[in-house]
Amino acid sequence: MQDAEKEAEHIIAIAEKAAQSEVEKIKEQTSKECAAIQQQARTKIDSATDIIMGRIVKAHGNS
């Protein structure tokens, strides 16, 4: 009976390690995806700023 319990504990420990490894991989991938989205947003904000500034300068001239 003790052998079965030890084997079960061993199997659970292996499964927990595998799950933790998978969690770390998912965290890393999610972090990379978030960084890419933030970079795209920065690019679009810069473009929007340029467009808005261009319209303001055209509407008001160089005064």
C-alpha atoms as a PDB file:
ATOM      1  CA  MET A   1       0.000   0.000   0.000  1.00  0.00           C
ATOM      2  CA  GLN A   2       2.828   2.405   0.836  1.00  0.00           C
ATOM      3  CA  ASP A   3       4.461   1.731  -2.514  1.00  0.00           C
ATOM      4  CA  ALA A   4       1.284   2.762  -4.322  1.00  0.00           C
ATOM      5  CA  GLU A   5       1.054   5.960  -2.277  1.00  0.00           C
ATOM      6  CA  LYS A   6       4.692   6.804  -2.981  1.00  0.00           C
ATOM      7  CA  GLU A   7       4.181   6.112  -6.675  1.00  0.00           C
ATOM      8  CA  ALA A   8       1.091   8.348  -6.682  1.00  0.00           C
ATOM      9  CA  GLU A   9       3.024  11.138  -4.943  1.00  0.00           C
ATOM     10  CA  HIS A  10       5.819  10.751  -7.469  1.00  0.00           C
ATOM     11  CA  ILE A  11       3.408  10.940 -10.405  1.00  0.00           C
ATOM     12  CA  ILE A  12       1.730  14.018  -8.915  1.00  0.00           C
ATOM     13  CA  ALA A  13       5.101  15.707  -8.366  1.00  0.00           C
ATOM     14  CA  ILE A  14       6.095  15.076 -11.979  1.00  0.00           C
ATOM     15  CA  ALA A  15       2.754  16.405 -13.218  1.00  0.00           C
ATOM     16  CA  GLU A  16       3.096  19.526 -11.051  1.00  0.00           C
ATOM     17  CA  LYS A  17       6.579  20.216 -12.424  1.00  0.00           C
ATOM     18  CA  ALA A  18       5.347  19.776 -15.981  1.00  0.00           C
ATOM     19  CA  ALA A  19       2.395  22.083 -15.321  1.00  0.00           C
ATOM     20  CA  GLN A  20       4.663  24.722 -13.771  1.00  0.00           C
ATOM     21  CA  SER A  21       6.950  24.549 -16.784  1.00  0.00           C
ATOM     22  CA  GLU A  22       3.975  25.043 -19.098  1.00  0.00           C
ATOM     23  CA  VAL A  23       2.782  28.005 -17.008  1.00  0.00           C
ATOM     24  CA  GLU A  24       6.207  29.637 -17.342  1.00  0.00           C
ATOM     25  CA  LYS A  25       6.187  29.137 -21.110  1.00  0.00           C
ATOM     26  CA  ILE A  26       2.727  30.692 -21.356  1.00  0.00           C
ATOM     27  CA  LYS A  27       3.785  33.645 -19.182  1.00  0.00           C
ATOM     28  CA  GLU A  28       6.829  34.252 -21.370  1.00  0.00           C
ATOM     29  CA  GLN A  29       4.807  34.065 -24.590  1.00  0.00           C
ATOM     30  CA  THR A  30       2.138  36.380 -23.170  1.00  0.00           C
ATOM     31  CA  SER A  31       4.792  38.858 -22.095  1.00  0.00           C
ATOM     32  CA  LYS A  32       6.259  38.886 -25.616  1.00  0.00           C
ATOM     33  CA  GLU A  33       2.815  39.389 -27.154  1.00  0.00           C
ATOM     34  CA  CYS A  34       2.072  42.269 -24.772  1.00  0.00           C
ATOM     35  CA  ALA A  35       5.363  43.952 -25.650  1.00  0.00           C
ATOM     36  CA  ALA A  36       4.576  43.638 -29.359  1.00  0.00           C
ATOM     37  CA  ILE A  37       1.104  45.144 -28.868  1.00  0.00           C
ATOM     38  CA  GLN A  38       2.574  48.017 -26.845  1.00  0.00           C
ATOM     39  CA  GLN A  39       5.117  48.715 -29.580  1.00  0.00           C
ATOM     40  CA  GLN A  40       2.379  48.784 -32.223  1.00  0.00           C
ATOM     41  CA  ALA A  41       0.361  51.158 -30.060  1.00  0.00           C
ATOM     42  CA  ARG A  42       3.353  53.493 -29.652  1.00  0.00           C
ATOM     43  CA  THR A  43       3.830  53.572 -33.415  1.00  0.00           C
ATOM     44  CA  LYS A  44       0.179  54.401 -33.987  1.00  0.00           C
ATOM     45  CA  ILE A  45       0.211  57.095 -31.287  1.00  0.00           C
ATOM     46  CA  ASP A  46       3.230  58.710 -32.960  1.00  0.00           C
ATOM     47  CA  SER A  47       1.466  58.603 -36.331  1.00  0.00           C
ATOM     48  CA  ALA A  48      -1.730  60.042 -34.860  1.00  0.00           C
ATOM     49  CA  THR A  49       0.246  62.834 -33.197  1.00  0.00           C
ATOM     50  CA  ASP A  50       1.893  63.707 -36.513  1.00  0.00           C
ATOM     51  CA  ILE A  51      -1.466  63.785 -38.287  1.00  0.00           C
ATOM     52  CA  ILE A  52      -3.072  65.949 -35.617  1.00  0.00           C
ATOM     53  CA  MET A  53      -0.137  68.347 -35.492  1.00  0.00           C
ATOM     54  CA  GLY A  54      -0.165  68.585 -39.285  1.00  0.00           C
ATOM     55  CA  ARG A  55      -3.854  69.499 -39.283  1.00  0.00           C
ATOM     56  CA  ILE A  56      -3.399  72.099 -36.552  1.00  0.00           C
ATOM     57  CA  VAL A  57      -0.509  73.738 -38.392  1.00  0.00           C
ATOM     58  CA  LYS A  58      -2.486  73.760 -41.682  1.00  0.00           C
ATOM     59  CA  ALA A  59      -5.574  75.205 -39.962  1.00  0.00           C
ATOM     60  CA  HIS A  60      -3.680  77.938 -38.133  1.00  0.00           C
ATOM     61  CA  GLY A  61      -0.775  78.542 -40.462  1.00  0.00           C
ATOM     62  CA  ASN A  62       2.653  79.151 -39.062  1.00  0.00           C
ATOM     63  CA  SER A  63       1.546  81.620 -36.416  1.00  0.00           C
END
